């Protein structure tokens, strides 16, 4: 038997196969298959994605995004790399590590949009 990417060890919570939310705990004596999705809508979206991928000839390991999404992602990654370089410079200049970490986290939050 092969281990799927969503499988976890004992005591670890599994995540939804579509949205990555933590799945609710299952009682030890639960009968049936372990759930893969947290709700029916996630199961439906995953089904639709598989069907669309099959029609386009795209495997489960491939992803299609728009050029604008790719450029936005590259911009965000560039912002994070600059923040890391700035952090290194600040550390070399003697700024306290806690202050540097605070600024780095803030820069990452801005880049990923979690302000």
PDB file of N, CA and C in Angstrom:
ATOM      1  N   UNK A   1       0.847  -1.175   0.000  1.00  0.00           N
ATOM      2  CA  UNK A   1       0.000   0.000   0.000  1.00  0.00           C
ATOM      3  C   UNK A   1       0.888   1.233   0.000  1.00  0.00           C
ATOM      4  N   UNK A   2       0.559   2.195  -0.832  1.00  0.00           N
ATOM      5  CA  UNK A   2       1.353   3.421  -0.885  1.00  0.00           C
ATOM      6  C   UNK A   2       0.728   4.478  -0.004  1.00  0.00           C
ATOM      7  N   UNK A   3       1.539   5.377   0.471  1.00  0.00           N
ATOM      8  CA  UNK A   3       1.068   6.451   1.342  1.00  0.00           C
ATOM      9  C   UNK A   3       0.686   7.644   0.479  1.00  0.00           C
ATOM     10  N   UNK A   4      -0.533   8.115   0.624  1.00  0.00           N
ATOM     11  CA  UNK A   4      -0.980   9.292  -0.106  1.00  0.00           C
ATOM     12  C   UNK A   4      -0.456  10.539   0.588  1.00  0.00           C
ATOM     13  N   UNK A   5      -0.426  11.649  -0.154  1.00  0.00           N
ATOM     14  CA  UNK A   5       0.117  12.879   0.412  1.00  0.00           C
ATOM     15  C   UNK A   5      -0.709  13.382   1.588  1.00  0.00           C
ATOM     16  N   UNK A   6      -1.994  13.067   1.663  1.00  0.00           N
ATOM     17  CA  UNK A   6      -2.832  13.531   2.764  1.00  0.00           C
ATOM     18  C   UNK A   6      -2.773  12.647   3.992  1.00  0.00           C
ATOM     19  N   UNK A   7      -2.116  11.468   3.880  1.00  0.00           N
ATOM     20  CA  UNK A   7      -2.040  10.557   5.020  1.00  0.00           C
ATOM     21  C   UNK A   7      -1.116  11.128   6.081  1.00  0.00           C
ATOM     22  N   UNK A   8      -1.467  10.880   7.324  1.00  0.00           N
ATOM     23  CA  UNK A   8      -0.652  11.364   8.432  1.00  0.00           C
ATOM     24  C   UNK A   8      -0.438  10.244   9.419  1.00  0.00           C
ATOM     25  N   UNK A   9       0.445  10.464  10.346  1.00  0.00           N
ATOM     26  CA  UNK A   9       0.724   9.469  11.366  1.00  0.00           C
ATOM     27  C   UNK A   9      -0.310   9.534  12.472  1.00  0.00           C
ATOM     28  N   UNK A  10      -0.187   8.675  13.461  1.00  0.00           N
ATOM     29  CA  UNK A  10      -1.141   8.664  14.565  1.00  0.00           C
ATOM     30  C   UNK A  10      -1.084   9.973  15.353  1.00  0.00           C
ATOM     31  N   UNK A  11      -2.247  10.478  15.713  1.00  0.00           N
ATOM     32  CA  UNK A  11      -2.326  11.700  16.499  1.00  0.00           C
ATOM     33  C   UNK A  11      -2.269  12.978  15.674  1.00  0.00           C
ATOM     34  N   UNK A  12      -1.951  12.884  14.385  1.00  0.00           N
ATOM     35  CA  UNK A  12      -1.893  14.065  13.534  1.00  0.00           C
ATOM     36  C   UNK A  12      -3.253  14.276  12.873  1.00  0.00           C
ATOM     37  N   UNK A  13      -3.642  15.543  12.759  1.00  0.00           N
ATOM     38  CA  UNK A  13      -4.907  15.845  12.093  1.00  0.00           C
ATOM     39  C   UNK A  13      -4.683  15.923  10.598  1.00  0.00           C
ATOM     40  N   UNK A  14      -5.580  15.342   9.845  1.00  0.00           N
ATOM     41  CA  UNK A  14      -5.480  15.412   8.399  1.00  0.00           C
ATOM     42  C   UNK A  14      -6.125  16.700   7.913  1.00  0.00           C
ATOM     43  N   UNK A  15      -5.851  17.035   6.677  1.00  0.00           N
ATOM     44  CA  UNK A  15      -6.361  18.266   6.092  1.00  0.00           C
ATOM     45  C   UNK A  15      -7.228  17.941   4.884  1.00  0.00           C
ATOM     46  N   UNK A  16      -8.138  18.850   4.593  1.00  0.00           N
ATOM     47  CA  UNK A  16      -9.046  18.708   3.459  1.00  0.00           C
ATOM     48  C   UNK A  16      -8.228  18.624   2.172  1.00  0.00           C
ATOM     49  N   UNK A  17      -8.630  17.731   1.288  1.00  0.00           N
ATOM     50  CA  UNK A  17      -7.941  17.551   0.024  1.00  0.00           C
ATOM     51  C   UNK A  17      -8.134  18.693  -0.943  1.00  0.00           C
ATOM     52  N   UNK A  18      -9.056  19.600  -0.661  1.00  0.00           N
ATOM     53  CA  UNK A  18      -9.287  20.732  -1.553  1.00  0.00           C
ATOM     54  C   UNK A  18      -8.830  22.046  -0.930  1.00  0.00           C
ATOM     55  N   UNK A  19      -9.304  22.365   0.258  1.00  0.00           N
ATOM     56  CA  UNK A  19      -9.049  23.691   0.841  1.00  0.00           C
ATOM     57  C   UNK A  19      -7.985  23.685   1.929  1.00  0.00           C
ATOM     58  N   UNK A  20      -7.506  22.526   2.323  1.00  0.00           N
ATOM     59  CA  UNK A  20      -6.458  22.350   3.335  1.00  0.00           C
ATOM     60  C   UNK A  20      -6.866  22.721   4.753  1.00  0.00           C
ATOM     61  N   UNK A  21      -8.157  22.875   5.012  1.00  0.00           N
ATOM     62  CA  UNK A  21      -8.595  23.075   6.398  1.00  0.00           C
ATOM     63  C   UNK A  21      -8.410  21.763   7.156  1.00  0.00           C
ATOM     64  N   UNK A  22      -8.210  21.876   8.458  1.00  0.00           N
ATOM     65  CA  UNK A  22      -8.081  20.666   9.272  1.00  0.00           C
ATOM     66  C   UNK A  22      -9.418  19.937   9.303  1.00  0.00           C
ATOM     67  N   UNK A  23      -9.362  18.634   9.119  1.00  0.00           N
ATOM     68  CA  UNK A  23     -10.575  17.826   9.194  1.00  0.00           C
ATOM     69  C   UNK A  23     -10.925  17.592  10.663  1.00  0.00           C
ATOM     70  N   UNK A  24     -12.205  17.457  10.975  1.00  0.00           N
ATOM     71  CA  UNK A  24     -12.582  17.206  12.371  1.00  0.00           C
ATOM     72  C   UNK A  24     -12.047  15.860  12.847  1.00  0.00           C
ATOM     73  N   UNK A  25     -11.835  15.771  14.149  1.00  0.00           N
ATOM     74  CA  UNK A  25     -11.358  14.517  14.735  1.00  0.00           C
ATOM     75  C   UNK A  25     -12.398  13.422  14.518  1.00  0.00           C
ATOM     76  N   UNK A  26     -11.913  12.212  14.257  1.00  0.00           N
ATOM     77  CA  UNK A  26     -12.791  11.047  14.124  1.00  0.00           C
ATOM     78  C   UNK A  26     -12.657  10.197  15.371  1.00  0.00           C
ATOM     79  N   UNK A  27     -13.760   9.675  15.850  1.00  0.00           N
ATOM     80  CA  UNK A  27     -13.656   8.755  16.987  1.00  0.00           C
ATOM     81  C   UNK A  27     -12.830   7.534  16.584  1.00  0.00           C
ATOM     82  N   UNK A  28     -12.145   6.951  17.548  1.00  0.00           N
ATOM     83  CA  UNK A  28     -11.288   5.796  17.265  1.00  0.00           C
ATOM     84  C   UNK A  28     -12.091   4.625  16.718  1.00  0.00           C
ATOM     85  N   UNK A  29     -13.352   4.529  17.108  1.00  0.00           N
ATOM     86  CA  UNK A  29     -14.166   3.398  16.659  1.00  0.00           C
ATOM     87  C   UNK A  29     -15.030   3.741  15.443  1.00  0.00           C
ATOM     88  N   UNK A  30     -14.698   4.803  14.725  1.00  0.00           N
ATOM     89  CA  UNK A  30     -15.479   5.209  13.548  1.00  0.00           C
ATOM     90  C   UNK A  30     -15.396   4.139  12.468  1.00  0.00           C
ATOM     91  N   UNK A  31     -16.509   3.946  11.796  1.00  0.00           N
ATOM     92  CA  UNK A  31     -16.605   2.941  10.746  1.00  0.00           C
ATOM     93  C   UNK A  31     -16.590   3.648   9.398  1.00  0.00           C
ATOM     94  N   UNK A  32     -15.983   3.014   8.414  1.00  0.00           N
ATOM     95  CA  UNK A  32     -15.986   3.555   7.067  1.00  0.00           C
ATOM     96  C   UNK A  32     -14.672   4.238   6.719  1.00  0.00           C
ATOM     97  N   UNK A  33     -14.674   4.803   5.533  1.00  0.00           N
ATOM     98  CA  UNK A  33     -13.477   5.479   5.053  1.00  0.00           C
ATOM     99  C   UNK A  33     -13.229   6.766   5.822  1.00  0.00           C
ATOM    100  N   UNK A  34     -11.965   7.112   5.915  1.00  0.00           N
ATOM    101  CA  UNK A  34     -11.623   8.401   6.498  1.00  0.00           C
ATOM    102  C   UNK A  34     -12.028   9.482   5.504  1.00  0.00           C
ATOM    103  N   UNK A  35     -12.589  10.593   5.990  1.00  0.00           N
ATOM    104  CA  UNK A  35     -12.976  11.653   5.052  1.00  0.00           C
ATOM    105  C   UNK A  35     -11.735  12.302   4.427  1.00  0.00           C
ATOM    106  N   UNK A  36     -11.887  12.707   3.186  1.00  0.00           N
ATOM    107  CA  UNK A  36     -10.810  13.392   2.474  1.00  0.00           C
ATOM    108  C   UNK A  36     -11.089  14.892   2.416  1.00  0.00           C
ATOM    109  N   UNK A  37     -12.368  15.251   2.397  1.00  0.00           N
ATOM    110  CA  UNK A  37     -12.768  16.653   2.264  1.00  0.00           C
ATOM    111  C   UNK A  37     -13.546  17.086   3.503  1.00  0.00           C
ATOM    112  N   UNK A  38     -13.458  18.375   3.823  1.00  0.00           N
ATOM    113  CA  UNK A  38     -14.112  18.878   5.036  1.00  0.00           C
ATOM    114  C   UNK A  38     -15.600  19.095   4.828  1.00  0.00           C
ATOM    115  N   UNK A  39     -16.025  19.305   3.596  1.00  0.00           N
ATOM    116  CA  UNK A  39     -17.458  19.470   3.330  1.00  0.00           C
ATOM    117  C   UNK A  39     -17.772  19.066   1.896  1.00  0.00           C
ATOM    118  N   UNK A  40     -19.037  18.964   1.620  1.00  0.00           N
ATOM    119  CA  UNK A  40     -19.475  18.496   0.304  1.00  0.00           C
ATOM    120  C   UNK A  40     -19.040  19.437  -0.811  1.00  0.00           C
ATOM    121  N   UNK A  41     -19.023  20.735  -0.542  1.00  0.00           N
ATOM    122  CA  UNK A  41     -18.632  21.695  -1.578  1.00  0.00           C
ATOM    123  C   UNK A  41     -17.163  21.495  -1.976  1.00  0.00           C
ATOM    124  N   UNK A  42     -16.306  21.151  -1.012  1.00  0.00           N
ATOM    125  CA  UNK A  42     -14.903  20.883  -1.334  1.00  0.00           C
ATOM    126  C   UNK A  42     -14.786  19.625  -2.188  1.00  0.00           C
ATOM    127  N   UNK A  43     -15.564  18.613  -1.856  1.00  0.00           N
ATOM    128  CA  UNK A  43     -15.553  17.391  -2.653  1.00  0.00           C
ATOM    129  C   UNK A  43     -16.008  17.688  -4.082  1.00  0.00           C
ATOM    130  N   UNK A  44     -17.028  18.529  -4.218  1.00  0.00           N
ATOM    131  CA  UNK A  44     -17.543  18.889  -5.537  1.00  0.00           C
ATOM    132  C   UNK A  44     -16.502  19.682  -6.334  1.00  0.00           C
ATOM    133  N   UNK A  45     -15.834  20.651  -5.699  1.00  0.00           N
ATOM    134  CA  UNK A  45     -14.807  21.451  -6.395  1.00  0.00           C
ATOM    135  C   UNK A  45     -13.658  20.558  -6.856  1.00  0.00           C
ATOM    136  N   UNK A  46     -13.268  19.597  -6.027  1.00  0.00           N
ATOM    137  CA  UNK A  46     -12.192  18.679  -6.401  1.00  0.00           C
ATOM    138  C   UNK A  46     -12.621  17.816  -7.592  1.00  0.00           C
ATOM    139  N   UNK A  47     -13.861  17.360  -7.577  1.00  0.00           N
ATOM    140  CA  UNK A  47     -14.382  16.574  -8.697  1.00  0.00           C
ATOM    141  C   UNK A  47     -14.358  17.401  -9.974  1.00  0.00           C
ATOM    142  N   UNK A  48     -14.838  18.636  -9.893  1.00  0.00           N
ATOM    143  CA  UNK A  48     -14.859  19.512 -11.066  1.00  0.00           C
ATOM    144  C   UNK A  48     -13.453  19.771 -11.585  1.00  0.00           C
ATOM    145  N   UNK A  49     -12.493  19.964 -10.672  1.00  0.00           N
ATOM    146  CA  UNK A  49     -11.111  20.207 -11.082  1.00  0.00           C
ATOM    147  C   UNK A  49     -10.532  18.976 -11.780  1.00  0.00           C
ATOM    148  N   UNK A  50     -10.839  17.778 -11.259  1.00  0.00           N
ATOM    149  CA  UNK A  50     -10.358  16.560 -11.911  1.00  0.00           C
ATOM    150  C   UNK A  50     -10.958  16.411 -13.295  1.00  0.00           C
ATOM    151  N   UNK A  51     -12.250  16.673 -13.419  1.00  0.00           N
ATOM    152  CA  UNK A  51     -12.912  16.562 -14.715  1.00  0.00           C
ATOM    153  C   UNK A  51     -12.326  17.556 -15.712  1.00  0.00           C
ATOM    154  N   UNK A  52     -12.120  18.795 -15.277  1.00  0.00           N
ATOM    155  CA  UNK A  52     -11.556  19.827 -16.154  1.00  0.00           C
ATOM    156  C   UNK A  52     -10.122  19.466 -16.531  1.00  0.00           C
ATOM    157  N   UNK A  53      -9.352  18.954 -15.587  1.00  0.00           N
ATOM    158  CA  UNK A  53      -7.984  18.533 -15.873  1.00  0.00           C
ATOM    159  C   UNK A  53      -7.936  17.408 -16.883  1.00  0.00           C
ATOM    160  N   UNK A  54      -8.860  16.461 -16.743  1.00  0.00           N
ATOM    161  CA  UNK A  54      -8.918  15.355 -17.700  1.00  0.00           C
ATOM    162  C   UNK A  54      -9.238  15.867 -19.100  1.00  0.00           C
ATOM    163  N   UNK A  55     -10.164  16.817 -19.198  1.00  0.00           N
ATOM    164  CA  UNK A  55     -10.542  17.329 -20.510  1.00  0.00           C
ATOM    165  C   UNK A  55      -9.415  18.136 -21.158  1.00  0.00           C
ATOM    166  N   UNK A  56      -8.539  18.735 -20.339  1.00  0.00           N
ATOM    167  CA  UNK A  56      -7.406  19.508 -20.862  1.00  0.00           C
ATOM    168  C   UNK A  56      -6.134  18.686 -20.987  1.00  0.00           C
ATOM    169  N   UNK A  57      -6.164  17.450 -20.469  1.00  0.00           N
ATOM    170  CA  UNK A  57      -4.978  16.607 -20.513  1.00  0.00           C
ATOM    171  C   UNK A  57      -3.924  17.020 -19.492  1.00  0.00           C
ATOM    172  N   UNK A  58      -4.378  17.557 -18.371  1.00  0.00           N
ATOM    173  CA  UNK A  58      -3.480  18.023 -17.322  1.00  0.00           C
ATOM    174  C   UNK A  58      -3.509  17.010 -16.182  1.00  0.00           C
ATOM    175  N   UNK A  59      -2.319  16.628 -15.694  1.00  0.00           N
ATOM    176  CA  UNK A  59      -2.269  15.657 -14.593  1.00  0.00           C
ATOM    177  C   UNK A  59      -2.535  16.361 -13.265  1.00  0.00           C
ATOM    178  N   UNK A  60      -2.691  15.570 -12.202  1.00  0.00           N
ATOM    179  CA  UNK A  60      -2.935  16.118 -10.861  1.00  0.00           C
ATOM    180  C   UNK A  60      -1.757  16.933 -10.350  1.00  0.00           C
ATOM    181  N   UNK A  61      -0.565  16.694 -10.894  1.00  0.00           N
ATOM    182  CA  UNK A  61       0.634  17.400 -10.438  1.00  0.00           C
ATOM    183  C   UNK A  61       0.867  18.709 -11.191  1.00  0.00           C
ATOM    184  N   UNK A  62       0.035  19.018 -12.168  1.00  0.00           N
ATOM    185  CA  UNK A  62       0.199  20.235 -12.957  1.00  0.00           C
ATOM    186  C   UNK A  62      -0.853  21.263 -12.564  1.00  0.00           C
ATOM    187  N   UNK A  63      -0.504  22.525 -12.760  1.00  0.00           N
ATOM    188  CA  UNK A  63      -1.383  23.615 -12.388  1.00  0.00           C
ATOM    189  C   UNK A  63      -1.406  24.627 -13.515  1.00  0.00           C
ATOM    190  N   UNK A  64      -2.580  25.128 -13.837  1.00  0.00           N
ATOM    191  CA  UNK A  64      -2.717  26.157 -14.857  1.00  0.00           C
ATOM    192  C   UNK A  64      -3.124  27.442 -14.166  1.00  0.00           C
ATOM    193  N   UNK A  65      -2.330  28.499 -14.377  1.00  0.00           N
ATOM    194  CA  UNK A  65      -2.687  29.809 -13.849  1.00  0.00           C
ATOM    195  C   UNK A  65      -2.543  30.829 -14.968  1.00  0.00           C
ATOM    196  N   UNK A  66      -3.184  31.952 -14.797  1.00  0.00           N
ATOM    197  CA  UNK A  66      -3.093  33.002 -15.811  1.00  0.00           C
ATOM    198  C   UNK A  66      -1.736  33.682 -15.724  1.00  0.00           C
ATOM    199  N   UNK A  67      -1.371  34.362 -16.799  1.00  0.00           N
ATOM    200  CA  UNK A  67      -0.109  35.101 -16.819  1.00  0.00           C
ATOM    201  C   UNK A  67      -0.100  36.169 -15.730  1.00  0.00           C
ATOM    202  N   UNK A  68      -1.243  36.842 -15.518  1.00  0.00           N
ATOM    203  CA  UNK A  68      -1.322  37.869 -14.472  1.00  0.00           C
ATOM    204  C   UNK A  68      -1.101  37.275 -13.088  1.00  0.00           C
ATOM    205  N   UNK A  69      -1.682  36.097 -12.827  1.00  0.00           N
ATOM    206  CA  UNK A  69      -1.483  35.440 -11.538  1.00  0.00           C
ATOM    207  C   UNK A  69      -0.021  35.050 -11.334  1.00  0.00           C
ATOM    208  N   UNK A  70       0.616  34.571 -12.403  1.00  0.00           N
ATOM    209  CA  UNK A  70       2.023  34.195 -12.322  1.00  0.00           C
ATOM    210  C   UNK A  70       2.895  35.413 -12.043  1.00  0.00           C
ATOM    211  N   UNK A  71       2.627  36.512 -12.752  1.00  0.00           N
ATOM    212  CA  UNK A  71       3.396  37.735 -12.533  1.00  0.00           C
ATOM    213  C   UNK A  71       3.186  38.258 -11.112  1.00  0.00           C
ATOM    214  N   UNK A  72       1.964  38.191 -10.605  1.00  0.00           N
ATOM    215  CA  UNK A  72       1.688  38.626  -9.239  1.00  0.00           C
ATOM    216  C   UNK A  72       2.443  37.758  -8.240  1.00  0.00           C
ATOM    217  N   UNK A  73       2.435  36.454  -8.464  1.00  0.00           N
ATOM    218  CA  UNK A  73       3.163  35.539  -7.587  1.00  0.00           C
ATOM    219  C   UNK A  73       4.660  35.837  -7.609  1.00  0.00           C
ATOM    220  N   UNK A  74       5.209  36.049  -8.789  1.00  0.00           N
ATOM    221  CA  UNK A  74       6.632  36.372  -8.901  1.00  0.00           C
ATOM    222  C   UNK A  74       6.955  37.688  -8.195  1.00  0.00           C
ATOM    223  N   UNK A  75       6.073  38.680  -8.310  1.00  0.00           N
ATOM    224  CA  UNK A  75       6.274  39.952  -7.610  1.00  0.00           C
ATOM    225  C   UNK A  75       6.295  39.747  -6.100  1.00  0.00           C
ATOM    226  N   UNK A  76       5.373  38.946  -5.596  1.00  0.00           N
ATOM    227  CA  UNK A  76       5.312  38.686  -4.157  1.00  0.00           C
ATOM    228  C   UNK A  76       6.564  37.950  -3.673  1.00  0.00           C
ATOM    229  N   UNK A  77       7.015  36.971  -4.451  1.00  0.00           N
ATOM    230  CA  UNK A  77       8.239  36.256  -4.090  1.00  0.00           C
ATOM    231  C   UNK A  77       9.445  37.194  -4.096  1.00  0.00           C
ATOM    232  N   UNK A  78       9.485  38.108  -5.059  1.00  0.00           N
ATOM    233  CA  UNK A  78      10.576  39.078  -5.117  1.00  0.00           C
ATOM    234  C   UNK A  78      10.557  39.981  -3.888  1.00  0.00           C
ATOM    235  N   UNK A  79       9.364  40.424  -3.471  1.00  0.00           N
ATOM    236  CA  UNK A  79       9.240  41.254  -2.277  1.00  0.00           C
ATOM    237  C   UNK A  79       9.757  40.509  -1.043  1.00  0.00           C
ATOM    238  N   UNK A  80       9.428  39.229  -0.943  1.00  0.00           N
ATOM    239  CA  UNK A  80       9.882  38.430   0.201  1.00  0.00           C
ATOM    240  C   UNK A  80      11.400  38.264   0.161  1.00  0.00           C
ATOM    241  N   UNK A  81      11.972  38.044  -1.021  1.00  0.00           N
ATOM    242  CA  UNK A  81      13.429  37.890  -1.106  1.00  0.00           C
ATOM    243  C   UNK A  81      14.133  39.190  -0.741  1.00  0.00           C
ATOM    244  N   UNK A  82      13.573  40.334  -1.142  1.00  0.00           N
ATOM    245  CA  UNK A  82      14.155  41.618  -0.752  1.00  0.00           C
ATOM    246  C   UNK A  82      14.074  41.821   0.752  1.00  0.00           C
ATOM    247  N   UNK A  83      12.959  41.428   1.337  1.00  0.00           N
ATOM    248  CA  UNK A  83      12.804  41.560   2.792  1.00  0.00           C
ATOM    249  C   UNK A  83      13.837  40.703   3.521  1.00  0.00           C
ATOM    250  N   UNK A  84      14.118  39.509   2.995  1.00  0.00           N
ATOM    251  CA  UNK A  84      15.124  38.645   3.616  1.00  0.00           C
ATOM    252  C   UNK A  84      16.514  39.274   3.507  1.00  0.00           C
ATOM    253  N   UNK A  85      16.825  39.844   2.348  1.00  0.00           N
ATOM    254  CA  UNK A  85      18.122  40.507   2.174  1.00  0.00           C
ATOM    255  C   UNK A  85      18.233  41.720   3.087  1.00  0.00           C
ATOM    256  N   UNK A  86      17.147  42.493   3.198  1.00  0.00           N
ATOM    257  CA  UNK A  86      17.140  43.647   4.101  1.00  0.00           C
ATOM    258  C   UNK A  86      17.355  43.199   5.543  1.00  0.00           C
ATOM    259  N   UNK A  87      16.739  42.079   5.908  1.00  0.00           N
ATOM    260  CA  UNK A  87      16.890  41.557   7.266  1.00  0.00           C
ATOM    261  C   UNK A  87      18.342  41.200   7.547  1.00  0.00           C
ATOM    262  N   UNK A  88      18.997  40.582   6.583  1.00  0.00           N
ATOM    263  CA  UNK A  88      20.400  40.226   6.751  1.00  0.00           C
ATOM    264  C   UNK A  88      21.245  41.484   6.950  1.00  0.00           C
ATOM    265  N   UNK A  89      20.973  42.506   6.155  1.00  0.00           N
ATOM    266  CA  UNK A  89      21.707  43.770   6.277  1.00  0.00           C
ATOM    267  C   UNK A  89      21.475  44.400   7.648  1.00  0.00           C
ATOM    268  N   UNK A  90      20.227  44.392   8.106  1.00  0.00           N
ATOM    269  CA  UNK A  90      19.920  44.965   9.412  1.00  0.00           C
ATOM    270  C   UNK A  90      20.634  44.214  10.532  1.00  0.00           C
ATOM    271  N   UNK A  91      20.694  42.904  10.444  1.00  0.00           N
ATOM    272  CA  UNK A  91      21.399  42.113  11.452  1.00  0.00           C
ATOM    273  C   UNK A  91      22.879  42.447  11.470  1.00  0.00           C
ATOM    274  N   UNK A  92      23.467  42.609  10.285  1.00  0.00           N
ATOM    275  CA  UNK A  92      24.885  42.957  10.199  1.00  0.00           C
ATOM    276  C   UNK A  92      25.138  44.363  10.752  1.00  0.00           C
ATOM    277  N   UNK A  93      24.137  45.237  10.663  1.00  0.00           N
ATOM    278  CA  UNK A  93      24.260  46.603  11.184  1.00  0.00           C
ATOM    279  C   UNK A  93      24.007  46.674  12.685  1.00  0.00           C
ATOM    280  N   UNK A  94      23.690  45.527  13.298  1.00  0.00           N
ATOM    281  CA  UNK A  94      23.547  45.482  14.739  1.00  0.00           C
ATOM    282  C   UNK A  94      22.141  45.711  15.271  1.00  0.00           C
ATOM    283  N   UNK A  95      21.154  45.706  14.395  1.00  0.00           N
ATOM    284  CA  UNK A  95      19.763  45.842  14.848  1.00  0.00           C
ATOM    285  C   UNK A  95      19.377  44.565  15.584  1.00  0.00           C
ATOM    286  N   UNK A  96      18.589  44.692  16.630  1.00  0.00           N
ATOM    287  CA  UNK A  96      18.235  43.525  17.441  1.00  0.00           C
ATOM    288  C   UNK A  96      17.465  42.493  16.603  1.00  0.00           C
ATOM    289  N   UNK A  97      17.776  41.210  16.805  1.00  0.00           N
ATOM    290  CA  UNK A  97      17.100  40.150  16.039  1.00  0.00           C
ATOM    291  C   UNK A  97      15.580  40.198  16.181  1.00  0.00           C
ATOM    292  N   UNK A  98      15.062  40.552  17.354  1.00  0.00           N
ATOM    293  CA  UNK A  98      13.608  40.592  17.514  1.00  0.00           C
ATOM    294  C   UNK A  98      12.996  41.695  16.654  1.00  0.00           C
ATOM    295  N   UNK A  99      13.673  42.835  16.540  1.00  0.00           N
ATOM    296  CA  UNK A  99      13.179  43.927  15.694  1.00  0.00           C
ATOM    297  C   UNK A  99      13.248  43.533  14.225  1.00  0.00           C
ATOM    298  N   UNK A 100      14.341  42.857  13.828  1.00  0.00           N
ATOM    299  CA  UNK A 100      14.490  42.403  12.453  1.00  0.00           C
ATOM    300  C   UNK A 100      13.399  41.395  12.108  1.00  0.00           C
ATOM    301  N   UNK A 101      13.156  40.463  13.021  1.00  0.00           N
ATOM    302  CA  UNK A 101      12.123  39.457  12.792  1.00  0.00           C
ATOM    303  C   UNK A 101      10.752  40.112  12.669  1.00  0.00           C
ATOM    304  N   UNK A 102      10.494  41.082  13.500  1.00  0.00           N
ATOM    305  CA  UNK A 102       9.220  41.806  13.448  1.00  0.00           C
ATOM    306  C   UNK A 102       9.032  42.469  12.084  1.00  0.00           C
ATOM    307  N   UNK A 103      10.097  43.119  11.576  1.00  0.00           N
ATOM    308  CA  UNK A 103      10.015  43.770  10.267  1.00  0.00           C
ATOM    309  C   UNK A 103       9.885  42.754   9.140  1.00  0.00           C
ATOM    310  N   UNK A 104      10.576  41.629   9.264  1.00  0.00           N
ATOM    311  CA  UNK A 104      10.500  40.586   8.240  1.00  0.00           C
ATOM    312  C   UNK A 104       9.098  39.994   8.167  1.00  0.00           C
ATOM    313  N   UNK A 105       8.523  39.702   9.318  1.00  0.00           N
ATOM    314  CA  UNK A 105       7.159  39.155   9.348  1.00  0.00           C
ATOM    315  C   UNK A 105       6.177  40.153   8.756  1.00  0.00           C
ATOM    316  N   UNK A 106       6.333  41.432   9.082  1.00  0.00           N
ATOM    317  CA  UNK A 106       5.444  42.461   8.532  1.00  0.00           C
ATOM    318  C   UNK A 106       5.569  42.535   7.014  1.00  0.00           C
ATOM    319  N   UNK A 107       6.798  42.438   6.500  1.00  0.00           N
ATOM    320  CA  UNK A 107       7.003  42.476   5.045  1.00  0.00           C
ATOM    321  C   UNK A 107       6.373  41.259   4.371  1.00  0.00           C
ATOM    322  N   UNK A 108       6.511  40.098   4.989  1.00  0.00           N
ATOM    323  CA  UNK A 108       5.909  38.884   4.429  1.00  0.00           C
ATOM    324  C   UNK A 108       4.387  38.989   4.460  1.00  0.00           C
ATOM    325  N   UNK A 109       3.847  39.500   5.560  1.00  0.00           N
ATOM    326  CA  UNK A 109       2.395  39.677   5.647  1.00  0.00           C
ATOM    327  C   UNK A 109       1.893  40.592   4.538  1.00  0.00           C
ATOM    328  N   UNK A 110       2.624  41.665   4.270  1.00  0.00           N
ATOM    329  CA  UNK A 110       2.229  42.582   3.191  1.00  0.00           C
ATOM    330  C   UNK A 110       2.287  41.860   1.845  1.00  0.00           C
ATOM    331  N   UNK A 111       3.337  41.057   1.638  1.00  0.00           N
ATOM    332  CA  UNK A 111       3.510  40.365   0.351  1.00  0.00           C
ATOM    333  C   UNK A 111       2.430  39.336   0.105  1.00  0.00           C
ATOM    334  N   UNK A 112       2.008  38.630   1.152  1.00  0.00           N
ATOM    335  CA  UNK A 112       0.991  37.595   0.951  1.00  0.00           C
ATOM    336  C   UNK A 112      -0.418  38.111   1.205  1.00  0.00           C
ATOM    337  N   UNK A 113      -0.523  39.361   1.627  1.00  0.00           N
ATOM    338  CA  UNK A 113      -1.842  39.970   1.782  1.00  0.00           C
ATOM    339  C   UNK A 113      -2.581  39.562   3.032  1.00  0.00           C
ATOM    340  N   UNK A 114      -1.863  39.322   4.138  1.00  0.00           N
ATOM    341  CA  UNK A 114      -2.533  38.934   5.384  1.00  0.00           C
ATOM    342  C   UNK A 114      -2.486  40.036   6.428  1.00  0.00           C
ATOM    343  N   UNK A 115      -2.334  41.280   5.987  1.00  0.00           N
ATOM    344  CA  UNK A 115      -2.178  42.409   6.915  1.00  0.00           C
ATOM    345  C   UNK A 115      -3.081  42.270   8.086  1.00  0.00           C
TER     346      UNK A 115
END
